[in-house]
């Protein structure tokens, strides 16, 4: 994870310039916040530079707490959205001492190895209120993959759908949506679950 953090920190400006603002994720972002009260708290794990996801939430009046382990990413967020909370931290050891109405880990959680992903469900559960929501992306099935990030290898991993379902249930979540490689969302595999 340190190498991944260092890569995102080193190439933050380039990543920000190339990151699509087309909001192909919007359908799922709407599902996450549907029915939430104004100023509800959203925890964005692996928030990157805040574009376009944090901006989507900020424009709708939600209170964002963004977490990223890359200092340059957090610096961009603080500059763009000074009215929100931005934390430079590793999601694996996160303990913010509060619970949120919604958590999102979009294109971030899947950089963790299998064993570390399994441990993240306690972090999710510890930071979401009863009745709150969790939205995250994964791979379509169990495995590992190496992508490319500005000429450098970039690690990704996924558990099986059955194991994600079991981990969510053990952490007190009920799955309400699971879409595999959605062609209308850049091929993302998406999970939405509610805390019981």
Protein backbone atom coordinates (compact mmCIF):
# COMPACT_ATOMS: atom_id res chain seq x y z
CA UNK A 1 0.00 0.00 0.00
CA UNK A 2 2.92 2.33 0.69
CA UNK A 3 4.09 2.03 -2.90
CA UNK A 4 0.57 2.75 -4.13
CA UNK A 5 0.30 5.80 -1.87
CA UNK A 6 3.66 7.04 -3.11
CA UNK A 7 2.57 6.63 -6.73
CA UNK A 8 -0.66 8.57 -6.20
CA UNK A 9 1.24 11.24 -4.30
CA UNK A 10 3.89 11.56 -6.99
CA UNK A 11 1.41 11.75 -9.87
CA UNK A 12 -1.43 13.60 -8.14
CA UNK A 13 -1.47 16.51 -10.60
CA UNK A 14 -1.35 14.23 -13.64
CA UNK A 15 -4.03 11.96 -12.22
CA UNK A 16 -6.24 14.95 -11.47
CA UNK A 17 -5.85 16.31 -14.98
CA UNK A 18 -6.80 13.01 -16.60
CA UNK A 19 -9.56 11.93 -14.18
CA UNK A 20 -12.88 12.00 -15.99
CA UNK A 21 -15.43 14.52 -14.72
CA UNK A 22 -18.19 12.87 -16.77
CA UNK A 23 -19.74 11.37 -13.61
CA UNK A 24 -20.36 7.93 -15.09
CA UNK A 25 -20.71 6.95 -11.39
CA UNK A 26 -23.69 9.23 -10.81
CA UNK A 27 -26.32 6.49 -10.84
CA UNK A 28 -24.63 4.83 -7.86
CA UNK A 29 -23.86 8.08 -6.06
CA UNK A 30 -27.57 8.91 -6.22
CA UNK A 31 -28.39 5.51 -4.72
CA UNK A 32 -25.94 6.13 -1.88
CA UNK A 33 -27.46 9.44 -0.81
CA UNK A 34 -31.13 8.88 -1.65
CA UNK A 35 -33.25 9.94 1.30
CA UNK A 36 -30.36 11.26 3.40
CA UNK A 37 -30.94 14.45 5.38
CA UNK A 38 -29.25 17.65 4.28
CA UNK A 39 -25.75 17.93 5.77
CA UNK A 40 -25.59 14.18 6.42
CA UNK A 41 -22.02 13.00 6.90
CA UNK A 42 -20.30 11.06 4.12
CA UNK A 43 -16.95 9.32 4.62
CA UNK A 44 -14.99 9.08 1.37
CA UNK A 45 -12.24 6.47 1.74
CA UNK A 46 -9.55 6.95 -0.88
CA UNK A 47 -10.99 10.32 -1.86
CA UNK A 48 -8.20 11.17 -4.28
CA UNK A 49 -8.35 14.78 -5.45
CA UNK A 50 -12.08 15.13 -4.75
CA UNK A 51 -13.02 15.25 -8.42
CA UNK A 52 -15.67 14.45 -9.38
CA UNK A 53 -17.14 12.42 -6.50
CA UNK A 54 -16.56 14.74 -3.53
CA UNK A 55 -17.72 17.67 -5.63
CA UNK A 56 -20.94 15.81 -6.40
CA UNK A 57 -21.64 15.40 -2.68
CA UNK A 58 -20.51 18.92 -1.76
CA UNK A 59 -22.76 20.47 -4.39
CA UNK A 60 -25.70 18.71 -2.75
CA UNK A 61 -24.93 20.02 0.72
CA UNK A 62 -23.53 16.90 2.35
CA UNK A 63 -20.71 17.11 4.91
CA UNK A 64 -17.71 15.24 3.53
CA UNK A 65 -14.85 13.68 5.45
CA UNK A 66 -12.29 12.56 2.89
CA UNK A 67 -9.46 10.17 3.70
CA UNK A 68 -6.45 9.47 1.50
CA UNK A 69 -2.91 8.34 2.22
CA UNK A 70 -1.39 10.53 -0.53
CA UNK A 71 -0.52 14.00 0.88
CA UNK A 72 -0.72 15.71 -2.52
CA UNK A 73 -4.25 14.38 -3.06
CA UNK A 74 -5.39 15.66 0.33
CA UNK A 75 -3.77 19.04 -0.35
CA UNK A 76 -5.82 19.42 -3.53
CA UNK A 77 -9.01 18.53 -1.66
CA UNK A 78 -8.31 21.06 1.09
CA UNK A 79 -7.75 23.76 -1.51
CA UNK A 80 -10.90 22.94 -3.47
CA UNK A 81 -13.29 22.21 -0.63
CA UNK A 82 -12.13 24.13 2.45
CA UNK A 83 -15.48 23.75 4.20
CA UNK A 84 -15.07 19.99 4.53
CA UNK A 85 -12.74 17.69 6.47
CA UNK A 86 -9.72 16.11 4.78
CA UNK A 87 -7.58 13.53 6.59
CA UNK A 88 -4.24 12.16 5.47
CA UNK A 89 -4.42 8.59 6.75
CA UNK A 90 -4.29 4.92 5.84
CA UNK A 91 -7.80 3.50 5.61
CA UNK A 92 -6.62 0.18 7.06
CA UNK A 93 -5.93 1.68 10.48
CA UNK A 94 -8.60 4.38 10.44
CA UNK A 95 -10.33 5.27 13.72
CA UNK A 96 -12.06 8.64 13.46
CA UNK A 97 -14.18 8.15 16.58
CA UNK A 98 -17.46 8.92 14.84
CA UNK A 99 -20.03 7.33 12.56
CA UNK A 100 -21.31 8.53 9.22
CA UNK A 101 -24.59 8.19 7.37
CA UNK A 102 -22.75 6.91 4.29
CA UNK A 103 -19.34 5.54 3.33
CA UNK A 104 -17.90 5.32 -0.16
CA UNK A 105 -14.73 3.52 -1.24
CA UNK A 106 -14.76 3.99 -5.00
CA UNK A 107 -11.73 2.65 -6.88
CA UNK A 108 -9.66 2.62 -3.67
CA UNK A 109 -10.42 -0.39 -1.46
CA UNK A 110 -9.54 -2.71 -4.34
CA UNK A 111 -5.86 -1.72 -4.12
CA UNK A 112 -5.60 -3.72 -0.87
CA UNK A 113 -4.45 -7.35 -0.81
CA UNK A 114 -7.02 -10.01 0.04
CA UNK A 115 -6.24 -10.29 3.76
CA UNK A 116 -6.29 -6.52 4.22
CA UNK A 117 -9.62 -6.24 2.40
CA UNK A 118 -11.10 -8.76 4.82
CA UNK A 119 -10.02 -6.62 7.76
CA UNK A 120 -11.57 -3.49 6.26
CA UNK A 121 -15.10 -4.65 7.04
CA UNK A 122 -14.52 -3.90 10.70
CA UNK A 123 -13.39 -0.40 9.71
CA UNK A 124 -16.51 0.07 7.58
CA UNK A 125 -18.76 -1.19 10.37
CA UNK A 126 -17.05 0.99 12.96
CA UNK A 127 -17.60 4.16 10.96
CA UNK A 128 -21.18 3.81 9.73
CA UNK A 129 -24.34 4.59 11.67
CA UNK A 130 -27.17 2.10 12.03
CA UNK A 131 -29.22 2.41 8.86
CA UNK A 132 -26.24 3.94 7.06
CA UNK A 133 -24.96 2.90 3.66
CA UNK A 134 -21.72 1.54 2.21
CA UNK A 135 -20.81 1.82 -1.48
CA UNK A 136 -17.63 0.26 -2.86
CA UNK A 137 -16.13 -1.15 -6.03
CA UNK A 138 -14.38 -4.49 -6.39
CA UNK A 139 -13.28 -6.87 -9.07
CA UNK A 140 -15.81 -9.27 -10.62
CA UNK A 141 -14.36 -12.36 -8.91
CA UNK A 142 -11.48 -13.61 -6.77
CA UNK A 143 -8.06 -12.72 -8.11
CA UNK A 144 -5.28 -10.21 -8.48
CA UNK A 145 -4.39 -7.90 -11.37
CA UNK A 146 -1.60 -5.50 -12.14
CA UNK A 147 -2.57 -2.36 -14.00
CA UNK A 148 -0.43 0.54 -15.15
CA UNK A 149 -0.23 3.98 -13.59
CA UNK A 150 1.92 6.50 -15.48
CA UNK A 151 4.31 3.75 -16.51
CA UNK A 152 4.38 2.02 -13.12
CA UNK A 153 2.68 -1.24 -12.07
CA UNK A 154 -0.45 -0.75 -9.96
CA UNK A 155 -1.84 -3.57 -7.83
CA UNK A 156 -5.52 -4.54 -7.61
CA UNK A 157 -7.23 -7.46 -5.87
CA UNK A 158 -10.70 -8.82 -5.38
CA UNK A 159 -12.37 -11.41 -3.21
CA UNK A 160 -15.15 -13.58 -4.60
CA UNK A 161 -18.71 -12.24 -4.59
CA UNK A 162 -19.66 -14.95 -2.12
CA UNK A 163 -16.95 -13.87 0.30
CA UNK A 164 -17.89 -10.19 0.04
CA UNK A 165 -21.49 -11.16 0.82
CA UNK A 166 -20.37 -13.17 3.86
CA UNK A 167 -18.07 -10.41 5.13
CA UNK A 168 -20.81 -7.82 4.74
CA UNK A 169 -23.30 -10.00 6.59
CA UNK A 170 -20.83 -10.67 9.41
CA UNK A 171 -20.26 -6.90 9.73
CA UNK A 172 -24.01 -6.26 9.98
CA UNK A 173 -24.66 -5.11 6.41
CA UNK A 174 -27.45 -6.13 4.06
CA UNK A 175 -26.62 -6.04 0.34
CA UNK A 176 -29.16 -4.09 -1.69
CA UNK A 177 -27.28 -3.80 -4.98
CA UNK A 178 -24.49 -5.77 -6.65
CA UNK A 179 -23.75 -5.09 -10.28
CA UNK A 180 -20.91 -6.86 -12.10
CA UNK A 181 -18.85 -4.99 -14.71
CA UNK A 182 -21.56 -2.45 -15.47
CA UNK A 183 -21.02 -1.35 -19.10
CA UNK A 184 -22.68 1.99 -18.37
CA UNK A 185 -20.21 2.67 -15.55
CA UNK A 186 -16.87 1.99 -17.17
CA UNK A 187 -17.05 -1.73 -16.43
CA UNK A 188 -17.11 -1.21 -12.65
CA UNK A 189 -18.34 -3.90 -10.28
CA UNK A 190 -20.35 -2.11 -7.62
CA UNK A 191 -21.72 -3.00 -4.19
CA UNK A 192 -24.25 -1.08 -2.10
CA UNK A 193 -25.16 -2.31 1.38
CA UNK A 194 -27.10 -0.93 4.35
CA UNK A 195 -26.06 -1.30 8.00
CA UNK A 196 -28.71 -3.11 9.98
